Amino acid sequence: MSVPFTAFDGFSGVILVTRGEETLVAQAHGYAHIAYGVENTVDTRFAIASGTKGFTALVVVGLVAEGRLELATTAREVLGDDLPLIDDRVTVEHLLTHTSGIGDYCDEEEDPPPTPLLATSADYLAALDGFPQKSPPGTEFRYNNGAFAVLSLIAERIAGIPFAELVRSRVTEPAGMTGTAFLRSDALPARTATGYLEDGRTNVFSLPVVGFGDGGAYTTAADVRKFWPALLDGRILPREWIDRMLRPHADGYGLGFWLPRPGVVHLDGGDHGVTFWSSHEPSSGVTATLISNNHRGGGPLLRRLDEFLTKA
């Protein structure tokens, strides 16, 4: 049963709130494609920006669980001579917890220019190069997009499989997330929302062509609903490893997941024309998700969504 939930003016996207199998809110607003008058539906696929980092962490920790990698493995052991400015002491765990101190090719505090031409691992490797170490590894929490792109390179080299395939086979397929994939931003298929900037232009020139470990996957609200129970039921990784990932390591962050308060697990992401926010409370089974494809993002709706978790 749906409860009243009014979107603020200009919101474009989907809101889905569930408690177990019960749907509390399922609403779509705005347009997936403005020029063609295609409206968003609750089944529309959206970009999720840094929400992808949770998938990356699961791929990497999965390789650790199989003994093919260790949290203490250094990036240098896998990268060899590539990315020489990364401190030789930086470990997989540092990268997963945003404590690596490496220079970030996409530093949100410095508002870097768009990097739309990234499509392959080789493109990302080139883009990551040339950024000096910012601080000694393990000394401070500093949100770092580049760290998760580096983790993707490490996972590919250890597994010998392209990163997008690793996410499909190790995360989305076990979770039954049939609508989730890495798509080309310049060739989006049907039922997929185009992102819009504040001036009304699309975000195609503001995002990489194809996402990587730090962001850029596309998904549906329904797939996100499937993700959280699959994660906690041990369908993606053994539960002992999930428990380890969901323990606070630094500044309210585990291994690839935000831990905003006890009993709540969270993923989010934001980029040009992209907003993603999803929280899950295992004790009540409540999942609250918002995905948007315009510059207005979630605004006050995010506070309202959080109330479902605090009152569950």
Protein backbone atom coordinates (compact mmCIF):
# COMPACT_ATOMS: atom_id res chain seq x y z
CA MET A 1 0.00 0.00 0.00
CA SER A 2 1.38 3.41 -0.95
CA VAL A 3 1.30 6.35 1.45
CA PRO A 4 1.06 10.03 0.41
CA PHE A 5 4.46 11.32 -0.67
CA THR A 6 4.54 14.57 -2.62
CA ALA A 7 7.61 15.31 -4.72
CA PHE A 8 8.95 18.85 -4.61
CA ASP A 9 8.73 21.03 -7.69
CA GLY A 10 11.02 19.95 -10.52
CA PHE A 11 12.00 16.55 -9.14
CA SER A 12 12.59 14.00 -11.87
CA GLY A 13 13.16 10.39 -10.88
CA VAL A 14 11.83 7.50 -8.83
CA ILE A 15 11.11 7.00 -5.14
CA LEU A 16 10.68 3.46 -3.80
CA VAL A 17 10.20 2.52 -0.15
CA THR A 18 9.58 -1.08 0.88
CA ARG A 19 9.34 -3.12 4.06
CA GLY A 20 10.20 -6.68 3.16
CA GLU A 21 7.74 -7.65 0.42
CA GLU A 22 5.41 -4.73 1.21
CA THR A 23 5.62 -1.62 -0.97
CA LEU A 24 5.08 1.57 1.03
CA VAL A 25 5.88 4.12 -1.69
CA ALA A 26 6.42 3.63 -5.42
CA GLN A 27 6.36 6.85 -7.42
CA ALA A 28 7.87 8.18 -10.63
CA HIS A 29 8.09 11.84 -11.61
CA GLY A 30 9.45 13.83 -14.52
CA TYR A 31 10.92 12.69 -17.81
CA ALA A 32 13.42 10.05 -18.83
CA HIS A 33 13.83 11.93 -22.11
CA ILE A 34 12.45 15.45 -22.33
CA ALA A 35 12.71 15.99 -26.10
CA TYR A 36 10.70 12.86 -26.88
CA GLY A 37 8.29 13.29 -23.97
CA VAL A 38 9.21 9.93 -22.43
CA GLU A 39 8.08 9.90 -18.80
CA ASN A 40 9.93 8.18 -15.99
CA THR A 41 8.30 5.05 -14.62
CA VAL A 42 9.12 3.01 -11.54
CA ASP A 43 10.93 0.59 -13.88
CA THR A 44 13.14 3.23 -15.54
CA ARG A 45 16.87 2.61 -15.37
CA PHE A 46 19.04 5.43 -13.99
CA ALA A 47 22.73 6.15 -13.51
CA ILE A 48 23.80 5.81 -9.87
CA ALA A 49 27.24 7.49 -9.88
CA SER A 50 29.16 6.49 -6.72
CA GLY A 51 26.51 3.98 -5.68
CA THR A 52 28.69 1.75 -7.85
CA LYS A 53 31.41 1.77 -5.19
CA GLY A 54 29.50 -0.81 -3.15
CA PHE A 55 29.61 -3.20 -6.12
CA THR A 56 33.34 -2.59 -6.52
CA ALA A 57 33.98 -3.35 -2.87
CA LEU A 58 32.06 -6.61 -3.15
CA VAL A 59 34.09 -7.70 -6.18
CA VAL A 60 37.38 -6.93 -4.45
CA VAL A 61 36.45 -8.48 -1.10
CA GLY A 62 35.16 -11.51 -3.01
CA LEU A 63 38.65 -11.99 -4.42
CA VAL A 64 40.03 -11.62 -0.89
CA ALA A 65 37.58 -14.24 0.41
CA GLU A 66 38.82 -16.63 -2.29
CA GLY A 67 42.44 -16.10 -1.24
CA ARG A 68 43.39 -14.48 -4.55
CA LEU A 69 44.08 -11.17 -2.86
CA GLU A 70 44.53 -9.85 0.68
CA LEU A 71 43.36 -6.65 2.31
CA ALA A 72 47.04 -6.10 3.13
CA THR A 73 48.13 -6.57 -0.51
CA THR A 74 49.71 -3.37 -1.76
CA ALA A 75 48.56 -1.71 -4.94
CA ARG A 76 52.16 -1.80 -6.12
CA GLU A 77 52.26 -5.62 -5.95
CA VAL A 78 49.51 -5.73 -8.58
CA LEU A 79 50.13 -2.56 -10.59
CA GLY A 80 53.85 -3.06 -11.07
CA ASP A 81 55.32 0.03 -12.74
CA ASP A 82 51.92 1.58 -13.51
CA LEU A 83 50.76 4.65 -11.53
CA PRO A 84 54.19 5.25 -9.96
CA LEU A 85 53.01 8.18 -7.82
CA ILE A 86 50.92 5.88 -5.63
CA ASP A 87 52.82 5.30 -2.38
CA ASP A 88 54.28 1.78 -2.26
CA ARG A 89 52.66 1.29 1.17
CA VAL A 90 49.07 1.80 -0.05
CA THR A 91 47.06 -1.38 0.50
CA VAL A 92 43.75 -2.70 -0.81
CA GLU A 93 42.21 -1.92 2.59
CA HIS A 94 43.42 1.69 2.41
CA LEU A 95 41.78 2.05 -0.99
CA LEU A 96 38.51 0.50 0.20
CA THR A 97 38.27 2.81 3.24
CA HIS A 98 39.25 6.11 1.57
CA THR A 99 42.40 6.28 3.70
CA SER A 100 44.95 5.67 0.94
CA GLY A 101 45.96 9.31 0.65
CA ILE A 102 46.55 8.92 -3.10
CA GLY A 103 46.02 11.82 -5.48
CA ASP A 104 42.50 11.77 -6.88
CA TYR A 105 41.89 12.16 -10.61
CA CYS A 106 38.33 13.22 -9.78
CA ASP A 107 38.67 15.26 -6.59
CA GLU A 108 35.20 16.57 -5.76
CA GLU A 109 36.62 19.27 -3.47
CA GLU A 110 38.56 20.74 -6.38
CA ASP A 111 35.64 20.55 -8.87
CA PRO A 112 37.66 18.89 -11.64
CA PRO A 113 36.74 19.21 -15.31
CA PRO A 114 34.49 16.53 -16.82
CA THR A 115 36.20 13.40 -18.14
CA PRO A 116 33.75 12.17 -20.78
CA LEU A 117 36.14 10.22 -23.00
CA LEU A 118 36.78 7.40 -20.53
CA ALA A 119 35.50 4.09 -21.86
CA THR A 120 38.14 1.38 -21.31
CA SER A 121 40.50 0.23 -18.57
CA ALA A 122 43.38 1.71 -20.55
CA ASP A 123 41.57 5.08 -20.62
CA TYR A 124 41.14 5.03 -16.85
CA LEU A 125 44.74 3.96 -16.28
CA ALA A 126 45.93 6.97 -18.28
CA ALA A 127 43.51 9.31 -16.48
CA LEU A 128 44.66 8.12 -13.04
CA ASP A 129 48.32 8.80 -13.75
CA GLY A 130 50.18 11.94 -12.69
CA PHE A 131 48.49 12.75 -9.35
CA PRO A 132 50.94 12.96 -6.43
CA GLN A 133 50.26 11.29 -3.09
CA LYS A 134 48.31 13.69 -0.84
CA SER A 135 49.02 12.16 2.57
CA PRO A 136 50.70 9.07 4.05
CA PRO A 137 48.50 5.97 3.72
CA GLY A 138 46.30 5.23 6.72
CA THR A 139 46.57 8.69 8.28
CA GLU A 140 43.29 10.35 7.27
CA PHE A 141 39.88 9.71 5.74
CA ARG A 142 39.52 11.58 2.45
CA TYR A 143 36.80 10.53 0.04
CA ASN A 144 38.59 9.36 -3.08
CA ASN A 145 37.04 8.42 -6.42
CA GLY A 146 40.39 7.45 -7.90
CA ALA A 147 40.93 4.86 -5.18
CA PHE A 148 37.95 2.85 -6.41
CA ALA A 149 39.05 3.16 -10.02
CA VAL A 150 42.42 1.75 -8.92
CA LEU A 151 40.58 -1.09 -7.15
CA SER A 152 38.88 -1.91 -10.47
CA LEU A 153 42.25 -2.18 -12.18
CA ILE A 154 43.51 -4.43 -9.39
CA ALA A 155 40.44 -6.68 -9.61
CA GLU A 156 40.77 -6.99 -13.38
CA ARG A 157 44.42 -7.95 -13.18
CA ILE A 158 43.90 -10.51 -10.42
CA ALA A 159 40.85 -12.11 -12.05
CA GLY A 160 41.84 -11.66 -15.69
CA ILE A 161 38.28 -10.56 -16.47
CA PRO A 162 36.94 -7.09 -17.48
CA PHE A 163 35.57 -5.19 -14.51
CA ALA A 164 32.00 -4.89 -15.83
CA GLU A 165 31.89 -8.67 -16.23
CA LEU A 166 33.17 -9.12 -12.68
CA VAL A 167 30.33 -6.97 -11.34
CA ARG A 168 27.77 -8.86 -13.42
CA SER A 169 28.93 -12.35 -12.47
CA ARG A 170 29.79 -11.66 -8.81
CA VAL A 171 27.20 -9.08 -7.75
CA THR A 172 24.24 -8.34 -9.96
CA GLU A 173 23.58 -11.84 -11.26
CA PRO A 174 23.60 -13.53 -7.82
CA ALA A 175 21.31 -10.76 -6.56
CA GLY A 176 18.88 -11.13 -9.48
CA MET A 177 19.49 -7.55 -10.61
CA THR A 178 18.58 -8.04 -14.27
CA GLY A 179 18.28 -4.32 -15.03
CA THR A 180 21.74 -3.32 -13.80
CA ALA A 181 24.72 -2.82 -16.12
CA PHE A 182 27.49 -0.49 -17.25
CA LEU A 183 26.02 1.33 -20.24
CA ARG A 184 27.49 3.79 -22.71
CA SER A 185 26.26 7.26 -21.79
CA ASP A 186 26.16 8.18 -25.50
CA ALA A 187 24.06 5.14 -26.52
CA LEU A 188 21.49 4.56 -23.80
CA PRO A 189 18.91 1.85 -24.53
CA ALA A 190 15.16 2.02 -24.03
CA ARG A 191 13.75 2.45 -20.49
CA THR A 192 16.89 4.36 -19.44
CA ALA A 193 16.84 7.95 -18.20
CA THR A 194 19.02 10.62 -19.74
CA GLY A 195 20.54 12.97 -17.16
CA TYR A 196 19.90 16.72 -17.39
CA LEU A 197 22.00 19.69 -16.29
CA GLU A 198 20.66 22.90 -14.79
CA ASP A 199 20.65 24.66 -18.17
CA GLY A 200 18.57 21.88 -19.74
CA ARG A 201 21.38 20.18 -21.67
CA THR A 202 21.94 16.46 -21.30
CA ASN A 203 24.91 15.26 -19.24
CA VAL A 204 26.46 13.19 -22.06
CA PHE A 205 29.49 15.51 -22.23
CA SER A 206 29.85 15.61 -18.44
CA LEU A 207 30.22 11.90 -17.65
CA PRO A 208 32.60 9.16 -18.75
CA VAL A 209 31.37 7.23 -21.76
CA VAL A 210 31.40 4.04 -19.68
CA GLY A 211 31.61 3.91 -15.90
CA PHE A 212 34.21 2.06 -13.85
CA GLY A 213 34.76 1.09 -10.22
CA ASP A 214 34.28 4.59 -8.86
CA GLY A 215 30.89 5.17 -10.48
CA GLY A 216 28.70 5.00 -13.53
CA ALA A 217 26.60 1.85 -13.32
CA TYR A 218 22.92 2.06 -14.30
CA THR A 219 20.15 0.35 -12.35
CA THR A 220 16.46 0.43 -11.41
CA ALA A 221 14.86 1.07 -8.05
CA ALA A 222 13.50 -2.50 -8.17
CA ASP A 223 17.01 -3.88 -8.59
CA VAL A 224 18.23 -1.85 -5.63
CA ARG A 225 15.37 -3.36 -3.64
CA LYS A 226 16.73 -6.81 -4.53
CA PHE A 227 20.31 -5.85 -3.74
CA TRP A 228 20.06 -5.27 0.00
CA PRO A 229 18.52 -8.62 1.04
CA ALA A 230 20.84 -10.45 -1.37
CA LEU A 231 23.78 -8.72 0.30
CA LEU A 232 22.69 -9.60 3.83
CA ASP A 233 21.48 -13.12 3.00
CA GLY A 234 24.96 -14.12 1.85
CA ARG A 235 24.05 -14.60 -1.81
CA ILE A 236 26.87 -12.33 -2.98
CA LEU A 237 29.51 -13.08 -0.34
CA PRO A 238 29.60 -15.29 2.76
CA ARG A 239 27.94 -13.49 5.67
CA GLU A 240 31.14 -13.33 7.73
CA TRP A 241 32.72 -11.18 5.03
CA ILE A 242 29.65 -8.95 4.76
CA ASP A 243 29.78 -8.42 8.52
CA ARG A 244 33.40 -7.37 8.17
CA MET A 245 32.56 -4.96 5.35
CA LEU A 246 29.79 -3.37 7.40
CA ARG A 247 31.94 -2.65 10.45
CA PRO A 248 33.00 1.01 10.77
CA HIS A 249 36.58 1.53 9.66
CA ALA A 250 36.89 5.30 9.21
CA ASP A 251 34.52 8.26 9.52
CA GLY A 252 31.28 6.25 9.37
CA TYR A 253 32.51 4.16 6.48
CA GLY A 254 33.04 0.41 6.22
CA LEU A 255 34.51 -1.31 3.19
CA GLY A 256 32.68 0.39 0.32
CA PHE A 257 29.53 1.22 2.31
CA TRP A 258 28.42 4.18 4.40
CA LEU A 259 27.24 3.44 7.95
CA PRO A 260 25.36 6.64 8.87
CA ARG A 261 24.16 5.32 12.23
CA PRO A 262 23.93 1.97 14.02
CA GLY A 263 21.63 -0.43 12.20
CA VAL A 264 21.52 1.39 8.86
CA VAL A 265 23.57 0.66 5.72
CA HIS A 266 23.74 3.20 2.95
CA LEU A 267 24.96 3.84 -0.60
CA ASP A 268 24.73 7.11 -2.47
CA GLY A 269 26.10 8.93 -5.46
CA GLY A 270 25.91 12.27 -7.19
CA ASP A 271 27.20 13.61 -10.48
CA HIS A 272 26.14 15.98 -13.23
CA GLY A 273 22.45 15.19 -13.71
CA VAL A 274 22.60 12.17 -11.37
CA THR A 275 21.45 11.60 -7.78
CA PHE A 276 21.29 8.23 -6.06
CA TRP A 277 20.41 7.56 -2.41
CA SER A 278 19.51 4.20 -0.86
CA SER A 279 19.40 3.15 2.78
CA HIS A 280 18.51 -0.21 4.29
CA GLU A 281 17.64 -1.09 7.86
CA PRO A 282 18.09 -4.86 8.35
CA SER A 283 16.15 -5.01 11.63
CA SER A 284 12.91 -3.73 10.07
CA GLY A 285 13.54 -4.77 6.48
CA VAL A 286 12.90 -1.20 5.31
CA THR A 287 14.65 0.00 2.17
CA ALA A 288 14.30 3.62 1.01
CA THR A 289 15.65 4.54 -2.42
CA LEU A 290 15.63 7.70 -4.52
CA ILE A 291 17.15 7.98 -7.99
CA SER A 292 17.02 11.20 -9.99
CA ASN A 293 18.10 12.31 -13.46
CA ASN A 294 18.20 16.08 -13.16
CA HIS A 295 20.18 18.77 -11.36
CA ARG A 296 17.63 19.18 -8.57
CA GLY A 297 18.49 15.77 -7.14
CA GLY A 298 16.62 14.68 -4.03
CA GLY A 299 16.40 17.91 -2.03
CA PRO A 300 13.93 17.71 0.87
CA LEU A 301 12.74 14.30 -0.29
CA LEU A 302 15.88 12.73 1.17
CA ARG A 303 14.96 13.92 4.66
CA ARG A 304 11.47 12.49 4.24
CA LEU A 305 12.88 9.17 3.08
CA ASP A 306 15.14 8.98 6.12
CA GLU A 307 12.07 9.24 8.34
CA PHE A 308 10.92 5.82 7.12
CA LEU A 309 14.06 4.34 8.66
CA THR A 310 13.91 6.20 11.97
CA LYS A 311 10.22 5.37 12.46
CA ALA A 312 10.30 1.77 11.23
